[in-house]
Amino acid sequence: MRFCSRRVLEYLRNPKDSLVATMRNYGYKLNQRVVLKDCDGKVIGYGIVFDYAPSSDYILKRWLPYSGFNTVEEWIEEAKRLHGGKIPDTVYLVYITRKVTE
């Protein structure tokens, strides 16, 4: 699972409750183990898909504290920038089991 947003990469240094919320088009499964990487492919941690839901205002507001963004609007704009102008179908909540320190 690659993260290319500077904002999210900064958030991942000290994630709230060891969780990160991320919008994706790829179909991850519940309890799937994932390798967290930066945009260059460097491993920054490991996690497990804890929950997921279709992208909706309700879910984005609910999981905003785990996104690294201050507002849902900022989160949506960054997701669009990273996904060719479209909002990804699904929001994933990933429990970070281990961070890789530099």
N, C-alpha and C. Protein backbone atom coordinates (compact mmCIF):
# COMPACT_ATOMS: atom_id res chain seq x y z
N MET A 1 0.86 -1.16 0.00
CA MET A 1 0.00 0.00 0.00
C MET A 1 0.91 1.22 0.00
N ARG A 2 0.88 1.94 -1.11
CA ARG A 2 1.79 3.07 -1.29
C ARG A 2 1.12 4.38 -0.91
N PHE A 3 1.88 5.24 -0.23
CA PHE A 3 1.40 6.56 0.18
C PHE A 3 2.26 7.63 -0.48
N CYS A 4 1.62 8.47 -1.30
CA CYS A 4 2.35 9.51 -2.04
C CYS A 4 1.99 10.92 -1.58
N SER A 5 1.13 11.04 -0.63
CA SER A 5 0.77 12.36 -0.12
C SER A 5 1.73 12.76 1.00
N ARG A 6 2.37 13.91 0.86
CA ARG A 6 3.27 14.38 1.92
C ARG A 6 2.54 14.53 3.25
N ARG A 7 1.32 14.98 3.17
CA ARG A 7 0.50 15.18 4.37
C ARG A 7 0.30 13.87 5.12
N VAL A 8 -0.01 12.82 4.38
CA VAL A 8 -0.24 11.51 4.99
C VAL A 8 1.07 10.92 5.50
N LEU A 9 2.12 11.08 4.74
CA LEU A 9 3.42 10.58 5.19
C LEU A 9 3.85 11.24 6.50
N GLU A 10 3.54 12.52 6.64
CA GLU A 10 3.83 13.22 7.89
C GLU A 10 2.95 12.65 9.02
N TYR A 11 1.68 12.43 8.72
CA TYR A 11 0.76 11.87 9.71
C TYR A 11 1.24 10.49 10.18
N LEU A 12 1.77 9.70 9.27
CA LEU A 12 2.20 8.34 9.60
C LEU A 12 3.38 8.29 10.57
N ARG A 13 4.03 9.42 10.79
CA ARG A 13 5.11 9.47 11.79
C ARG A 13 4.55 9.29 13.20
N ASN A 14 3.30 9.74 13.41
CA ASN A 14 2.67 9.64 14.73
C ASN A 14 1.16 9.47 14.55
N PRO A 15 0.74 8.32 14.03
CA PRO A 15 -0.68 8.13 13.73
C PRO A 15 -1.55 7.98 14.97
N LYS A 16 -2.73 8.59 14.93
CA LYS A 16 -3.70 8.51 16.03
C LYS A 16 -4.17 7.06 16.18
N ASP A 17 -4.04 6.52 17.38
CA ASP A 17 -4.49 5.15 17.70
C ASP A 17 -3.90 4.09 16.77
N SER A 18 -2.74 4.37 16.18
CA SER A 18 -2.08 3.44 15.24
C SER A 18 -2.96 3.11 14.04
N LEU A 19 -3.77 4.07 13.60
CA LEU A 19 -4.66 3.85 12.46
C LEU A 19 -4.40 4.89 11.37
N VAL A 20 -4.60 4.46 10.13
CA VAL A 20 -4.58 5.39 9.01
C VAL A 20 -5.77 5.07 8.11
N ALA A 21 -6.50 6.11 7.71
CA ALA A 21 -7.62 5.97 6.78
C ALA A 21 -7.15 6.44 5.40
N THR A 22 -7.46 5.66 4.39
CA THR A 22 -6.97 5.97 3.05
C THR A 22 -7.99 5.56 2.00
N MET A 23 -8.17 6.41 0.99
CA MET A 23 -9.08 6.11 -0.11
C MET A 23 -8.30 5.37 -1.19
N ARG A 24 -8.90 4.27 -1.65
CA ARG A 24 -8.25 3.42 -2.65
C ARG A 24 -9.26 2.87 -3.64
N ASN A 25 -8.76 2.51 -4.82
CA ASN A 25 -9.57 1.79 -5.80
C ASN A 25 -9.28 0.29 -5.78
N TYR A 26 -8.09 -0.08 -5.30
CA TYR A 26 -7.71 -1.48 -5.24
C TYR A 26 -8.51 -2.18 -4.15
N GLY A 27 -8.96 -3.40 -4.40
CA GLY A 27 -9.81 -4.13 -3.47
C GLY A 27 -9.07 -4.91 -2.40
N TYR A 28 -8.68 -4.24 -1.33
CA TYR A 28 -8.09 -4.94 -0.19
C TYR A 28 -9.19 -5.66 0.57
N LYS A 29 -8.82 -6.70 1.30
CA LYS A 29 -9.78 -7.50 2.06
C LYS A 29 -9.62 -7.26 3.55
N LEU A 30 -10.69 -7.47 4.29
CA LEU A 30 -10.66 -7.36 5.74
C LEU A 30 -9.60 -8.31 6.30
N ASN A 31 -8.82 -7.82 7.24
CA ASN A 31 -7.73 -8.56 7.89
C ASN A 31 -6.54 -8.87 6.98
N GLN A 32 -6.52 -8.28 5.79
CA GLN A 32 -5.38 -8.48 4.89
C GLN A 32 -4.16 -7.75 5.43
N ARG A 33 -3.05 -8.43 5.45
CA ARG A 33 -1.79 -7.80 5.86
C ARG A 33 -1.28 -6.96 4.70
N VAL A 34 -0.80 -5.75 5.02
CA VAL A 34 -0.29 -4.86 3.98
C VAL A 34 1.07 -4.31 4.39
N VAL A 35 1.89 -4.04 3.40
CA VAL A 35 3.17 -3.38 3.59
C VAL A 35 2.95 -1.92 3.24
N LEU A 36 3.26 -1.02 4.15
CA LEU A 36 3.11 0.41 3.91
C LEU A 36 4.40 0.94 3.32
N LYS A 37 4.28 1.65 2.19
CA LYS A 37 5.45 2.18 1.49
C LYS A 37 5.25 3.65 1.18
N ASP A 38 6.38 4.37 1.05
CA ASP A 38 6.28 5.75 0.58
C ASP A 38 6.19 5.73 -0.94
N CYS A 39 6.14 6.89 -1.55
CA CYS A 39 5.95 6.98 -2.99
C CYS A 39 7.10 6.38 -3.79
N ASP A 40 8.28 6.32 -3.18
CA ASP A 40 9.44 5.74 -3.84
C ASP A 40 9.53 4.23 -3.65
N GLY A 41 8.61 3.65 -2.89
CA GLY A 41 8.61 2.22 -2.67
C GLY A 41 9.36 1.78 -1.42
N LYS A 42 9.85 2.74 -0.63
CA LYS A 42 10.56 2.42 0.60
C LYS A 42 9.55 1.98 1.67
N VAL A 43 9.82 0.85 2.32
CA VAL A 43 8.93 0.33 3.36
C VAL A 43 8.98 1.26 4.57
N ILE A 44 7.79 1.70 5.00
CA ILE A 44 7.70 2.58 6.17
C ILE A 44 6.94 1.93 7.32
N GLY A 45 6.35 0.76 7.05
CA GLY A 45 5.63 0.08 8.11
C GLY A 45 4.83 -1.10 7.59
N TYR A 46 4.11 -1.70 8.52
CA TYR A 46 3.28 -2.87 8.22
C TYR A 46 1.93 -2.68 8.90
N GLY A 47 0.90 -3.23 8.30
CA GLY A 47 -0.42 -3.06 8.88
C GLY A 47 -1.38 -4.16 8.48
N ILE A 48 -2.59 -4.03 8.99
CA ILE A 48 -3.68 -4.96 8.70
C ILE A 48 -4.93 -4.13 8.39
N VAL A 49 -5.64 -4.52 7.33
CA VAL A 49 -6.88 -3.83 6.99
C VAL A 49 -7.89 -4.14 8.10
N PHE A 50 -8.24 -3.12 8.84
CA PHE A 50 -9.08 -3.24 10.02
C PHE A 50 -10.57 -3.09 9.67
N ASP A 51 -10.84 -2.24 8.68
CA ASP A 51 -12.22 -1.99 8.26
C ASP A 51 -12.19 -1.32 6.90
N TYR A 52 -13.31 -1.36 6.19
CA TYR A 52 -13.43 -0.61 4.94
C TYR A 52 -14.90 -0.33 4.68
N ALA A 53 -15.14 0.68 3.85
CA ALA A 53 -16.50 1.08 3.51
C ALA A 53 -16.47 1.87 2.21
N PRO A 54 -17.61 1.91 1.50
CA PRO A 54 -17.68 2.75 0.31
C PRO A 54 -17.41 4.21 0.67
N SER A 55 -16.77 4.93 -0.22
CA SER A 55 -16.52 6.36 0.01
C SER A 55 -17.86 7.08 0.12
N SER A 56 -18.08 7.73 1.24
CA SER A 56 -19.31 8.50 1.46
C SER A 56 -18.98 9.63 2.42
N ASP A 57 -19.82 10.65 2.43
CA ASP A 57 -19.60 11.76 3.36
C ASP A 57 -19.55 11.27 4.80
N TYR A 58 -20.44 10.34 5.14
CA TYR A 58 -20.49 9.83 6.51
C TYR A 58 -19.17 9.18 6.92
N ILE A 59 -18.66 8.30 6.08
CA ILE A 59 -17.40 7.59 6.40
C ILE A 59 -16.23 8.56 6.40
N LEU A 60 -16.18 9.47 5.45
CA LEU A 60 -15.07 10.42 5.40
C LEU A 60 -15.05 11.28 6.66
N LYS A 61 -16.20 11.71 7.11
CA LYS A 61 -16.26 12.50 8.36
C LYS A 61 -15.88 11.65 9.56
N ARG A 62 -16.36 10.43 9.60
CA ARG A 62 -16.10 9.53 10.72
C ARG A 62 -14.62 9.18 10.84
N TRP A 63 -13.96 8.95 9.70
CA TRP A 63 -12.56 8.50 9.71
C TRP A 63 -11.57 9.63 9.46
N LEU A 64 -12.05 10.86 9.34
CA LEU A 64 -11.18 12.01 9.13
C LEU A 64 -10.02 12.09 10.13
N PRO A 65 -10.24 11.83 11.43
CA PRO A 65 -9.12 11.94 12.39
C PRO A 65 -7.95 10.99 12.10
N TYR A 66 -8.18 9.98 11.26
CA TYR A 66 -7.14 9.01 10.94
C TYR A 66 -6.55 9.22 9.54
N SER A 67 -6.94 10.31 8.88
CA SER A 67 -6.53 10.54 7.49
C SER A 67 -5.28 11.39 7.35
N GLY A 68 -5.01 12.22 8.37
CA GLY A 68 -3.90 13.16 8.27
C GLY A 68 -4.32 14.52 7.75
N PHE A 69 -5.61 14.69 7.44
CA PHE A 69 -6.11 15.95 6.91
C PHE A 69 -6.96 16.68 7.95
N ASN A 70 -7.10 17.99 7.78
CA ASN A 70 -7.90 18.80 8.70
C ASN A 70 -9.37 18.82 8.35
N THR A 71 -9.67 18.67 7.06
CA THR A 71 -11.07 18.70 6.61
C THR A 71 -11.30 17.61 5.58
N VAL A 72 -12.57 17.24 5.44
CA VAL A 72 -12.94 16.25 4.41
C VAL A 72 -12.62 16.82 3.03
N GLU A 73 -12.83 18.12 2.84
CA GLU A 73 -12.57 18.74 1.54
C GLU A 73 -11.11 18.60 1.15
N GLU A 74 -10.19 18.85 2.10
CA GLU A 74 -8.75 18.69 1.82
C GLU A 74 -8.44 17.25 1.44
N TRP A 75 -9.03 16.32 2.15
CA TRP A 75 -8.79 14.90 1.90
C TRP A 75 -9.27 14.52 0.50
N ILE A 76 -10.47 14.98 0.15
CA ILE A 76 -11.03 14.68 -1.18
C ILE A 76 -10.17 15.28 -2.28
N GLU A 77 -9.74 16.51 -2.11
CA GLU A 77 -8.90 17.16 -3.14
C GLU A 77 -7.59 16.40 -3.35
N GLU A 78 -6.97 15.95 -2.28
CA GLU A 78 -5.72 15.19 -2.41
C GLU A 78 -5.98 13.83 -3.07
N ALA A 79 -7.07 13.18 -2.69
CA ALA A 79 -7.42 11.89 -3.31
C ALA A 79 -7.65 12.06 -4.81
N LYS A 80 -8.35 13.12 -5.18
CA LYS A 80 -8.58 13.39 -6.61
C LYS A 80 -7.26 13.63 -7.34
N ARG A 81 -6.37 14.40 -6.71
CA ARG A 81 -5.08 14.69 -7.33
C ARG A 81 -4.29 13.40 -7.59
N LEU A 82 -4.38 12.47 -6.66
CA LEU A 82 -3.63 11.23 -6.77
C LEU A 82 -4.31 10.16 -7.62
N HIS A 83 -5.59 10.37 -7.93
CA HIS A 83 -6.36 9.34 -8.65
C HIS A 83 -7.01 9.88 -9.92
N GLY A 84 -6.29 10.73 -10.63
CA GLY A 84 -6.75 11.20 -11.93
C GLY A 84 -8.04 11.99 -11.92
N GLY A 85 -8.26 12.76 -10.84
CA GLY A 85 -9.42 13.63 -10.78
C GLY A 85 -10.69 12.99 -10.25
N LYS A 86 -10.61 11.70 -9.87
CA LYS A 86 -11.79 11.00 -9.37
C LYS A 86 -11.59 10.57 -7.92
N ILE A 87 -12.69 10.51 -7.19
CA ILE A 87 -12.64 10.02 -5.81
C ILE A 87 -12.65 8.50 -5.84
N PRO A 88 -11.69 7.86 -5.18
CA PRO A 88 -11.67 6.38 -5.15
C PRO A 88 -12.96 5.81 -4.55
N ASP A 89 -13.25 4.58 -4.91
CA ASP A 89 -14.49 3.91 -4.52
C ASP A 89 -14.59 3.58 -3.04
N THR A 90 -13.44 3.27 -2.42
CA THR A 90 -13.46 2.68 -1.08
C THR A 90 -12.51 3.41 -0.15
N VAL A 91 -12.90 3.48 1.13
CA VAL A 91 -12.04 4.02 2.17
C VAL A 91 -11.64 2.85 3.07
N TYR A 92 -10.34 2.73 3.31
CA TYR A 92 -9.82 1.65 4.16
C TYR A 92 -9.27 2.24 5.45
N LEU A 93 -9.50 1.53 6.53
CA LEU A 93 -8.93 1.88 7.82
C LEU A 93 -7.92 0.79 8.13
N VAL A 94 -6.66 1.19 8.21
CA VAL A 94 -5.56 0.24 8.40
C VAL A 94 -4.97 0.40 9.80
N TYR A 95 -4.86 -0.70 10.51
CA TYR A 95 -4.21 -0.71 11.81
C TYR A 95 -2.71 -0.94 11.58
N ILE A 96 -1.91 -0.02 12.04
CA ILE A 96 -0.45 -0.11 11.83
C ILE A 96 0.16 -0.99 12.92
N THR A 97 0.68 -2.13 12.52
CA THR A 97 1.23 -3.07 13.48
C THR A 97 2.68 -2.76 13.82
N ARG A 98 3.37 -2.16 12.84
CA ARG A 98 4.78 -1.82 13.09
C ARG A 98 5.22 -0.75 12.14
N LYS A 99 5.93 0.25 12.68
CA LYS A 99 6.52 1.30 11.86
C LYS A 99 8.00 1.00 11.69
N VAL A 100 8.53 1.30 10.53
CA VAL A 100 9.96 1.14 10.28
C VAL A 100 10.61 2.49 10.56
N THR A 101 11.54 2.52 11.48
CA THR A 101 12.23 3.77 11.80
C THR A 101 13.43 3.95 10.89
N GLU A 102 13.77 5.20 10.67
CA GLU A 102 14.88 5.52 9.75
C GLU A 102 16.21 5.32 10.43
